[in-house]
Amino acid sequence: YDKAVDVWTIGILTFEMLYGDPPFYPEEMAVSYRMILQADVKFPFQPHTSSDAKDSIRRLLRKDPRERIRLSDALRHPFIVENCKSKVKGKVKGKAKGKGMR
């Protein structure tokens, strides 16, 4: 287990916060497993979300862990920057302050 799992989890949680359901949640578990193994993310039509939000999720949920966005790059992604700049004390400048984040 490494940081790539954390990145995947952030993608799952971001999807759930925006859409109210997990990204890999069909009625049949066999289909769910296939979707997870293929990283087959399908975005619902509603609620409408920005292309930046979808791009961020896609980058977090890449099948190959080596292709996933790095945490430091995720903090600089337009979706995060736009939605955090006025909601967090201070602006996101792309530098992670937490120990162990890269």
Protein backbone atom coordinates (compact mmCIF):
# COMPACT_ATOMS: atom_id res chain seq x y z
CA TYR A 1 0.00 0.00 0.00
CA ASP A 2 1.36 3.41 -0.94
CA LYS A 3 0.26 6.96 -1.74
CA ALA A 4 -1.33 5.83 -5.00
CA VAL A 5 -4.08 4.19 -2.94
CA ASP A 6 -4.65 7.48 -1.12
CA VAL A 7 -4.92 9.29 -4.45
CA TRP A 8 -7.48 6.70 -5.65
CA THR A 9 -9.46 7.17 -2.42
CA ILE A 10 -9.51 10.95 -2.85
CA GLY A 11 -10.94 10.39 -6.34
CA ILE A 12 -13.65 8.11 -4.97
CA LEU A 13 -14.55 10.55 -2.20
CA THR A 14 -14.58 13.54 -4.56
CA PHE A 15 -16.97 11.69 -6.88
CA GLU A 16 -19.21 10.76 -3.94
CA MET A 17 -19.29 14.35 -2.65
CA LEU A 18 -20.25 15.72 -6.06
CA TYR A 19 -22.72 13.03 -7.15
CA GLY A 20 -23.97 11.44 -3.92
CA ASP A 21 -23.01 7.88 -4.94
CA PRO A 22 -19.73 6.04 -5.49
CA PRO A 23 -18.46 5.91 -9.09
CA PHE A 24 -18.52 2.12 -9.33
CA TYR A 25 -21.99 1.30 -8.06
CA PRO A 26 -24.11 -0.63 -10.57
CA GLU A 27 -26.84 -3.00 -9.45
CA GLU A 28 -24.73 -6.13 -10.01
CA MET A 29 -21.51 -6.65 -8.04
CA ALA A 30 -19.82 -8.44 -10.96
CA VAL A 31 -20.30 -5.32 -13.07
CA SER A 32 -18.98 -3.18 -10.21
CA TYR A 33 -15.79 -5.27 -9.98
CA ARG A 34 -15.25 -5.00 -13.75
CA MET A 35 -15.72 -1.22 -13.61
CA ILE A 36 -13.21 -0.94 -10.74
CA LEU A 37 -10.64 -3.16 -12.45
CA GLN A 38 -10.94 -1.14 -15.65
CA ALA A 39 -11.24 2.21 -13.85
CA ASP A 40 -14.35 2.73 -15.96
CA VAL A 41 -15.72 5.99 -14.54
CA LYS A 42 -19.12 7.06 -15.85
CA PHE A 43 -20.38 10.51 -14.90
CA PRO A 44 -24.13 10.94 -14.39
CA PHE A 45 -25.93 13.70 -16.28
CA GLN A 46 -27.16 15.24 -13.04
CA PRO A 47 -26.04 17.08 -11.10
CA HIS A 48 -24.10 19.07 -13.66
CA THR A 49 -20.44 19.40 -12.75
CA SER A 50 -17.66 21.29 -14.46
CA SER A 51 -15.26 19.75 -16.91
CA ASP A 52 -12.48 20.63 -14.44
CA ALA A 53 -14.20 18.55 -11.73
CA LYS A 54 -14.50 15.57 -14.08
CA ASP A 55 -10.89 15.97 -15.23
CA SER A 56 -9.68 16.02 -11.63
CA ILE A 57 -11.60 12.84 -10.82
CA ARG A 58 -10.35 11.10 -13.97
CA ARG A 59 -6.74 11.94 -13.07
CA LEU A 60 -7.23 10.68 -9.51
CA LEU A 61 -8.84 7.43 -10.70
CA ARG A 62 -6.38 6.37 -13.39
CA LYS A 63 -6.10 2.60 -13.57
CA ASP A 64 -2.30 2.58 -13.57
CA PRO A 65 -1.13 4.06 -10.25
CA ARG A 66 1.96 5.50 -11.97
CA GLU A 67 -0.32 7.59 -14.21
CA ARG A 68 -2.39 9.06 -11.37
CA ILE A 69 -1.96 12.71 -10.55
CA ARG A 70 0.49 13.41 -7.73
CA LEU A 71 -0.96 14.97 -4.59
CA SER A 72 1.08 18.14 -5.08
CA ASP A 73 -0.23 18.45 -8.64
CA ALA A 74 -3.79 17.74 -7.48
CA LEU A 75 -3.57 20.78 -5.19
CA ARG A 76 -2.74 22.91 -8.23
CA HIS A 77 -5.49 21.45 -10.42
CA PRO A 78 -7.92 24.17 -11.64
CA PHE A 79 -10.88 22.44 -9.95
CA ILE A 80 -9.19 22.59 -6.53
CA VAL A 81 -7.72 26.06 -6.97
CA GLU A 82 -11.03 27.57 -8.11
CA ASN A 83 -13.07 25.96 -5.35
CA CYS A 84 -10.65 26.49 -2.48
CA LYS A 85 -9.30 29.97 -3.03
CA SER A 86 -12.01 31.80 -1.10
CA LYS A 87 -13.19 28.98 1.17
CA VAL A 88 -9.92 28.15 2.91
CA LYS A 89 -7.93 30.48 5.10
CA GLY A 90 -5.32 31.73 2.67
CA LYS A 91 -5.04 30.66 -0.94
CA VAL A 92 -3.88 27.31 -2.24
CA LYS A 93 -0.47 27.94 -3.75
CA GLY A 94 0.26 24.37 -4.76
CA LYS A 95 2.51 23.51 -1.83
CA ALA A 96 1.32 20.81 0.51
CA LYS A 97 1.93 21.70 4.13
CA GLY A 98 1.13 18.27 5.53
CA LYS A 99 4.04 16.00 6.38
CA GLY A 100 4.45 13.16 3.93
CA MET A 101 2.47 14.74 1.08
CA ARG A 102 4.23 15.08 -2.19
